[in-house]
Amino acid sequence: MDSVTTARSRFVRMAWAVLGYNVLVMAWGAYVRATFSGDGCGSHWPLCNGEMSFPKATKALVESSHRGTSGI
């Protein structure tokens, strides 16, 4: 394989990986919406309830994890 083919192959793999990740983030967002977990962190953005610490409530945990995965 020459360097162009190798670079193209790596690009294609990366593109599929990014697409797959985005599909997972959208599915997680649908779960957040369906379970009404979007209110778990209140109206505080980007923090969760005004804190940077790991949330203890289930809805807050779901919402903050979705914020983290979408931010990546």
N, C-alpha and C. Protein backbone atom coordinates (compact mmCIF):
# COMPACT_ATOMS: atom_id res chain seq x y z
N MET A 1 0.84 -1.19 0.00
CA MET A 1 0.00 0.00 0.00
C MET A 1 0.88 1.24 0.00
N ASP A 2 0.47 2.19 -0.75
CA ASP A 2 1.21 3.44 -0.74
C ASP A 2 0.66 4.36 0.34
N SER A 3 1.31 5.47 0.55
CA SER A 3 0.94 6.37 1.64
C SER A 3 -0.42 7.03 1.44
N VAL A 4 -0.83 7.25 0.20
CA VAL A 4 -2.13 7.86 -0.07
C VAL A 4 -3.25 6.89 0.31
N THR A 5 -3.09 5.63 -0.05
CA THR A 5 -4.09 4.63 0.29
C THR A 5 -4.18 4.44 1.80
N THR A 6 -3.05 4.44 2.47
CA THR A 6 -3.03 4.31 3.92
C THR A 6 -3.71 5.49 4.59
N ALA A 7 -3.42 6.69 4.13
CA ALA A 7 -4.04 7.88 4.70
C ALA A 7 -5.55 7.87 4.45
N ARG A 8 -5.95 7.46 3.28
CA ARG A 8 -7.38 7.39 2.97
C ARG A 8 -8.07 6.36 3.85
N SER A 9 -7.44 5.23 4.03
CA SER A 9 -8.01 4.17 4.86
C SER A 9 -8.17 4.65 6.31
N ARG A 10 -7.17 5.34 6.81
CA ARG A 10 -7.25 5.87 8.18
C ARG A 10 -8.35 6.93 8.28
N PHE A 11 -8.48 7.76 7.27
CA PHE A 11 -9.52 8.78 7.26
C PHE A 11 -10.91 8.15 7.26
N VAL A 12 -11.08 7.12 6.45
CA VAL A 12 -12.38 6.44 6.36
C VAL A 12 -12.72 5.80 7.70
N ARG A 13 -11.76 5.14 8.34
CA ARG A 13 -12.01 4.54 9.65
C ARG A 13 -12.37 5.60 10.68
N MET A 14 -11.67 6.71 10.66
CA MET A 14 -11.95 7.80 11.59
C MET A 14 -13.34 8.38 11.35
N ALA A 15 -13.71 8.56 10.09
CA ALA A 15 -15.03 9.09 9.75
C ALA A 15 -16.14 8.17 10.26
N TRP A 16 -15.98 6.85 10.09
CA TRP A 16 -16.98 5.91 10.59
C TRP A 16 -17.04 5.94 12.12
N ALA A 17 -15.89 6.06 12.77
CA ALA A 17 -15.86 6.12 14.23
C ALA A 17 -16.58 7.36 14.74
N VAL A 18 -16.34 8.49 14.11
CA VAL A 18 -17.01 9.74 14.52
C VAL A 18 -18.51 9.64 14.27
N LEU A 19 -18.90 9.07 13.14
CA LEU A 19 -20.32 8.88 12.86
C LEU A 19 -20.97 7.99 13.91
N GLY A 20 -20.33 6.89 14.23
CA GLY A 20 -20.85 5.98 15.26
C GLY A 20 -20.99 6.65 16.61
N TYR A 21 -19.97 7.44 16.98
CA TYR A 21 -20.02 8.16 18.25
C TYR A 21 -21.17 9.15 18.27
N ASN A 22 -21.37 9.88 17.19
CA ASN A 22 -22.47 10.84 17.12
C ASN A 22 -23.83 10.16 17.19
N VAL A 23 -23.96 9.01 16.59
CA VAL A 23 -25.22 8.27 16.67
C VAL A 23 -25.48 7.86 18.13
N LEU A 24 -24.45 7.42 18.83
CA LEU A 24 -24.60 7.06 20.25
C LEU A 24 -24.98 8.27 21.10
N VAL A 25 -24.37 9.42 20.84
CA VAL A 25 -24.70 10.63 21.58
C VAL A 25 -26.15 11.03 21.32
N MET A 26 -26.61 10.91 20.08
CA MET A 26 -28.01 11.23 19.77
C MET A 26 -28.96 10.26 20.45
N ALA A 27 -28.61 8.98 20.48
CA ALA A 27 -29.45 8.00 21.16
C ALA A 27 -29.49 8.28 22.66
N TRP A 28 -28.36 8.65 23.23
CA TRP A 28 -28.31 9.00 24.66
C TRP A 28 -29.16 10.25 24.90
N GLY A 29 -29.14 11.21 24.00
CA GLY A 29 -29.97 12.40 24.11
C GLY A 29 -31.44 12.06 24.04
N ALA A 30 -31.80 11.09 23.21
CA ALA A 30 -33.19 10.65 23.15
C ALA A 30 -33.61 10.01 24.46
N TYR A 31 -32.70 9.26 25.07
CA TYR A 31 -32.99 8.67 26.38
C TYR A 31 -33.16 9.75 27.45
N VAL A 32 -32.30 10.75 27.41
CA VAL A 32 -32.41 11.87 28.35
C VAL A 32 -33.76 12.54 28.19
N ARG A 33 -34.16 12.76 26.96
CA ARG A 33 -35.45 13.41 26.69
C ARG A 33 -36.62 12.53 27.14
N ALA A 34 -36.57 11.24 26.85
CA ALA A 34 -37.67 10.33 27.17
C ALA A 34 -37.85 10.15 28.67
N THR A 35 -36.76 10.22 29.43
CA THR A 35 -36.85 10.02 30.88
C THR A 35 -36.98 11.33 31.64
N PHE A 36 -37.11 12.43 30.92
CA PHE A 36 -37.21 13.77 31.53
C PHE A 36 -36.02 14.08 32.45
N SER A 37 -34.86 13.53 32.11
CA SER A 37 -33.67 13.78 32.90
C SER A 37 -33.02 15.11 32.56
N GLY A 38 -33.51 15.79 31.56
CA GLY A 38 -32.95 17.08 31.16
C GLY A 38 -33.08 18.14 32.24
N ASP A 39 -34.03 17.94 33.16
CA ASP A 39 -34.19 18.87 34.27
C ASP A 39 -33.30 18.51 35.45
N GLY A 40 -32.54 17.45 35.34
CA GLY A 40 -31.74 16.97 36.46
C GLY A 40 -30.68 17.93 36.93
N CYS A 41 -30.16 18.76 36.04
CA CYS A 41 -29.12 19.72 36.41
C CYS A 41 -29.65 21.13 36.55
N GLY A 42 -30.94 21.29 36.42
CA GLY A 42 -31.51 22.63 36.52
C GLY A 42 -31.12 23.47 35.32
N SER A 43 -31.14 24.76 35.51
CA SER A 43 -30.82 25.67 34.39
C SER A 43 -29.36 26.12 34.44
N HIS A 44 -28.53 25.39 35.13
CA HIS A 44 -27.11 25.75 35.26
C HIS A 44 -26.30 25.08 34.15
N TRP A 45 -25.75 25.89 33.30
CA TRP A 45 -24.90 25.38 32.22
C TRP A 45 -23.56 26.05 32.28
N PRO A 46 -22.48 25.42 32.18
CA PRO A 46 -22.26 24.02 31.90
C PRO A 46 -22.18 23.16 33.17
N LEU A 47 -22.27 23.77 34.33
CA LEU A 47 -22.21 23.00 35.57
C LEU A 47 -23.55 22.32 35.85
N CYS A 48 -23.54 21.39 36.77
CA CYS A 48 -24.76 20.69 37.15
C CYS A 48 -25.19 21.19 38.52
N ASN A 49 -26.29 21.91 38.55
CA ASN A 49 -26.79 22.55 39.77
C ASN A 49 -25.77 23.50 40.37
N GLY A 50 -25.01 24.13 39.52
CA GLY A 50 -24.03 25.12 39.95
C GLY A 50 -22.75 24.54 40.53
N GLU A 51 -22.57 23.23 40.44
CA GLU A 51 -21.39 22.57 41.01
C GLU A 51 -20.65 21.78 39.94
N MET A 52 -19.37 21.61 40.18
CA MET A 52 -18.54 20.83 39.27
C MET A 52 -18.44 19.37 39.73
N SER A 53 -18.90 19.07 40.94
CA SER A 53 -18.76 17.73 41.49
C SER A 53 -19.66 16.73 40.79
N PHE A 54 -19.40 15.47 41.04
CA PHE A 54 -20.15 14.38 40.44
C PHE A 54 -21.54 14.34 41.06
N PRO A 55 -22.60 14.42 40.25
CA PRO A 55 -23.96 14.46 40.80
C PRO A 55 -24.36 13.13 41.42
N LYS A 56 -25.21 13.21 42.46
CA LYS A 56 -25.65 12.01 43.15
C LYS A 56 -27.05 11.57 42.71
N ALA A 57 -27.89 12.49 42.30
CA ALA A 57 -29.23 12.14 41.85
C ALA A 57 -29.17 11.48 40.47
N THR A 58 -30.03 10.52 40.23
CA THR A 58 -30.00 9.76 38.98
C THR A 58 -30.23 10.65 37.76
N LYS A 59 -31.24 11.52 37.82
CA LYS A 59 -31.52 12.38 36.67
C LYS A 59 -30.36 13.33 36.41
N ALA A 60 -29.76 13.84 37.46
CA ALA A 60 -28.61 14.73 37.29
C ALA A 60 -27.43 13.98 36.71
N LEU A 61 -27.24 12.73 37.10
CA LEU A 61 -26.15 11.91 36.56
C LEU A 61 -26.36 11.65 35.07
N VAL A 62 -27.59 11.32 34.69
CA VAL A 62 -27.90 11.08 33.28
C VAL A 62 -27.65 12.35 32.47
N GLU A 63 -28.16 13.48 32.95
CA GLU A 63 -28.01 14.75 32.22
C GLU A 63 -26.56 15.18 32.13
N SER A 64 -25.81 15.09 33.23
CA SER A 64 -24.42 15.54 33.19
C SER A 64 -23.56 14.63 32.31
N SER A 65 -23.86 13.33 32.29
CA SER A 65 -23.10 12.44 31.40
C SER A 65 -23.41 12.76 29.94
N HIS A 66 -24.65 13.13 29.63
CA HIS A 66 -24.97 13.52 28.26
C HIS A 66 -24.26 14.82 27.89
N ARG A 67 -24.19 15.75 28.83
CA ARG A 67 -23.46 17.00 28.57
C ARG A 67 -22.00 16.71 28.29
N GLY A 68 -21.43 15.79 29.05
CA GLY A 68 -20.03 15.43 28.85
C GLY A 68 -19.77 14.77 27.50
N THR A 69 -20.63 13.82 27.13
CA THR A 69 -20.41 13.13 25.85
C THR A 69 -20.67 14.05 24.67
N SER A 70 -21.64 14.97 24.79
CA SER A 70 -21.87 15.89 23.68
C SER A 70 -20.76 16.92 23.57
N GLY A 71 -20.16 17.25 24.68
CA GLY A 71 -19.08 18.23 24.66
C GLY A 71 -17.82 17.71 24.01
N ILE A 72 -17.64 16.42 24.07
CA ILE A 72 -16.44 15.80 23.48
C ILE A 72 -16.54 15.92 21.98
